[in-house]
Amino acid sequence: MNQVTCECGYEAKGASEGQVVDQVLAHVRSDHPDLVGQVTPEVVRGWIELAPE
């Protein structure tokens, strides 16, 4: 399971990196609009951790 935990507490989880990237980018757009443009798919991929299922 791939996951990213935002500093605000939001957690994105998914079976694939693509699912997590999409969730995080949507979260950034809705909750952290000041970071739109700075948080790219490549940046998010660097944040992904493997979590136990």
N, C-alpha and C. Protein backbone atom coordinates (compact mmCIF):
# COMPACT_ATOMS: atom_id res chain seq x y z
N MET A 1 0.86 -1.17 0.00
CA MET A 1 0.00 0.00 0.00
C MET A 1 0.91 1.24 0.00
N ASN A 2 0.65 2.15 -0.90
CA ASN A 2 1.37 3.41 -0.98
C ASN A 2 0.61 4.46 -0.18
N GLN A 3 1.35 5.34 0.50
CA GLN A 3 0.66 6.38 1.24
C GLN A 3 1.51 7.64 1.34
N VAL A 4 0.80 8.74 1.53
CA VAL A 4 1.40 10.04 1.84
C VAL A 4 0.58 10.64 2.96
N THR A 5 1.25 11.16 3.98
CA THR A 5 0.57 11.86 5.06
C THR A 5 0.98 13.32 5.01
N CYS A 6 -0.01 14.18 4.85
CA CYS A 6 0.22 15.63 4.79
C CYS A 6 0.47 16.16 6.20
N GLU A 7 1.18 17.27 6.28
CA GLU A 7 1.42 17.91 7.58
C GLU A 7 0.13 18.30 8.28
N CYS A 8 -0.95 18.49 7.52
CA CYS A 8 -2.23 18.88 8.12
C CYS A 8 -2.99 17.67 8.67
N GLY A 9 -2.47 16.45 8.41
CA GLY A 9 -3.12 15.26 8.90
C GLY A 9 -3.83 14.44 7.84
N TYR A 10 -4.02 14.99 6.66
CA TYR A 10 -4.67 14.27 5.57
C TYR A 10 -3.80 13.08 5.16
N GLU A 11 -4.43 11.94 4.91
CA GLU A 11 -3.72 10.75 4.44
C GLU A 11 -4.27 10.31 3.10
N ALA A 12 -3.38 10.08 2.16
CA ALA A 12 -3.75 9.51 0.87
C ALA A 12 -3.16 8.12 0.80
N LYS A 13 -3.98 7.14 0.42
CA LYS A 13 -3.53 5.76 0.32
C LYS A 13 -4.05 5.15 -0.97
N GLY A 14 -3.26 4.27 -1.56
CA GLY A 14 -3.69 3.60 -2.76
C GLY A 14 -2.77 2.46 -3.12
N ALA A 15 -3.27 1.56 -3.94
CA ALA A 15 -2.49 0.41 -4.37
C ALA A 15 -1.37 0.83 -5.32
N SER A 16 -1.59 1.92 -6.07
CA SER A 16 -0.57 2.37 -7.02
C SER A 16 -0.11 3.78 -6.67
N GLU A 17 1.10 4.11 -7.12
CA GLU A 17 1.61 5.46 -6.92
C GLU A 17 0.70 6.49 -7.60
N GLY A 18 0.19 6.14 -8.78
CA GLY A 18 -0.66 7.07 -9.51
C GLY A 18 -1.91 7.46 -8.74
N GLN A 19 -2.51 6.50 -8.04
CA GLN A 19 -3.69 6.80 -7.23
C GLN A 19 -3.36 7.79 -6.12
N VAL A 20 -2.23 7.57 -5.47
CA VAL A 20 -1.83 8.45 -4.37
C VAL A 20 -1.48 9.84 -4.90
N VAL A 21 -0.78 9.90 -6.00
CA VAL A 21 -0.43 11.19 -6.60
C VAL A 21 -1.69 11.98 -6.92
N ASP A 22 -2.66 11.33 -7.54
CA ASP A 22 -3.92 12.01 -7.88
C ASP A 22 -4.63 12.53 -6.64
N GLN A 23 -4.67 11.71 -5.58
CA GLN A 23 -5.33 12.13 -4.34
C GLN A 23 -4.63 13.33 -3.71
N VAL A 24 -3.30 13.27 -3.67
CA VAL A 24 -2.55 14.37 -3.05
C VAL A 24 -2.70 15.66 -3.85
N LEU A 25 -2.63 15.57 -5.16
CA LEU A 25 -2.78 16.79 -5.97
C LEU A 25 -4.17 17.40 -5.80
N ALA A 26 -5.20 16.56 -5.70
CA ALA A 26 -6.55 17.07 -5.46
C ALA A 26 -6.63 17.71 -4.08
N HIS A 27 -6.00 17.10 -3.09
CA HIS A 27 -5.97 17.66 -1.73
C HIS A 27 -5.26 19.02 -1.73
N VAL A 28 -4.15 19.12 -2.42
CA VAL A 28 -3.41 20.39 -2.48
C VAL A 28 -4.29 21.46 -3.11
N ARG A 29 -4.96 21.14 -4.20
CA ARG A 29 -5.83 22.13 -4.85
C ARG A 29 -6.94 22.61 -3.93
N SER A 30 -7.51 21.70 -3.14
CA SER A 30 -8.66 22.09 -2.31
C SER A 30 -8.27 22.68 -0.96
N ASP A 31 -7.19 22.18 -0.36
CA ASP A 31 -6.86 22.60 1.01
C ASP A 31 -5.61 23.46 1.13
N HIS A 32 -4.75 23.43 0.12
CA HIS A 32 -3.50 24.20 0.16
C HIS A 32 -3.27 24.90 -1.18
N PRO A 33 -4.20 25.75 -1.61
CA PRO A 33 -4.08 26.36 -2.94
C PRO A 33 -2.81 27.18 -3.14
N ASP A 34 -2.21 27.64 -2.04
CA ASP A 34 -0.96 28.39 -2.15
C ASP A 34 0.20 27.53 -2.64
N LEU A 35 0.05 26.22 -2.58
CA LEU A 35 1.11 25.30 -3.01
C LEU A 35 0.91 24.75 -4.42
N VAL A 36 -0.22 25.09 -5.04
CA VAL A 36 -0.47 24.63 -6.41
C VAL A 36 0.64 25.18 -7.30
N GLY A 37 1.19 24.33 -8.11
CA GLY A 37 2.31 24.73 -8.97
C GLY A 37 3.65 24.34 -8.38
N GLN A 38 3.74 24.33 -7.05
CA GLN A 38 4.97 23.90 -6.39
C GLN A 38 4.97 22.40 -6.16
N VAL A 39 3.79 21.84 -5.88
CA VAL A 39 3.66 20.40 -5.63
C VAL A 39 3.30 19.74 -6.95
N THR A 40 4.29 19.11 -7.54
CA THR A 40 4.12 18.44 -8.83
C THR A 40 4.02 16.92 -8.60
N PRO A 41 3.60 16.18 -9.62
CA PRO A 41 3.56 14.73 -9.46
C PRO A 41 4.92 14.15 -9.04
N GLU A 42 6.00 14.71 -9.56
CA GLU A 42 7.33 14.22 -9.21
C GLU A 42 7.62 14.47 -7.73
N VAL A 43 7.21 15.62 -7.21
CA VAL A 43 7.40 15.92 -5.79
C VAL A 43 6.61 14.94 -4.94
N VAL A 44 5.37 14.70 -5.32
CA VAL A 44 4.52 13.79 -4.55
C VAL A 44 5.12 12.38 -4.55
N ARG A 45 5.64 11.94 -5.68
CA ARG A 45 6.24 10.60 -5.74
C ARG A 45 7.39 10.47 -4.73
N GLY A 46 8.10 11.56 -4.48
CA GLY A 46 9.17 11.55 -3.50
C GLY A 46 8.67 11.44 -2.07
N TRP A 47 7.41 11.76 -1.85
CA TRP A 47 6.81 11.69 -0.51
C TRP A 47 6.19 10.33 -0.20
N ILE A 48 5.99 9.51 -1.22
CA ILE A 48 5.27 8.24 -1.03
C ILE A 48 6.08 7.29 -0.16
N GLU A 49 5.38 6.70 0.78
CA GLU A 49 5.96 5.67 1.65
C GLU A 49 5.16 4.39 1.47
N LEU A 50 5.81 3.27 1.71
CA LEU A 50 5.09 2.00 1.70
C LEU A 50 4.55 1.75 3.10
N ALA A 51 3.26 1.43 3.16
CA ALA A 51 2.60 1.19 4.43
C ALA A 51 2.09 -0.24 4.48
N PRO A 52 2.06 -0.83 5.65
CA PRO A 52 1.48 -2.17 5.75
C PRO A 52 0.00 -2.13 5.42
N GLU A 53 -0.47 -3.18 4.80
CA GLU A 53 -1.89 -3.22 4.41
C GLU A 53 -2.77 -3.66 5.54
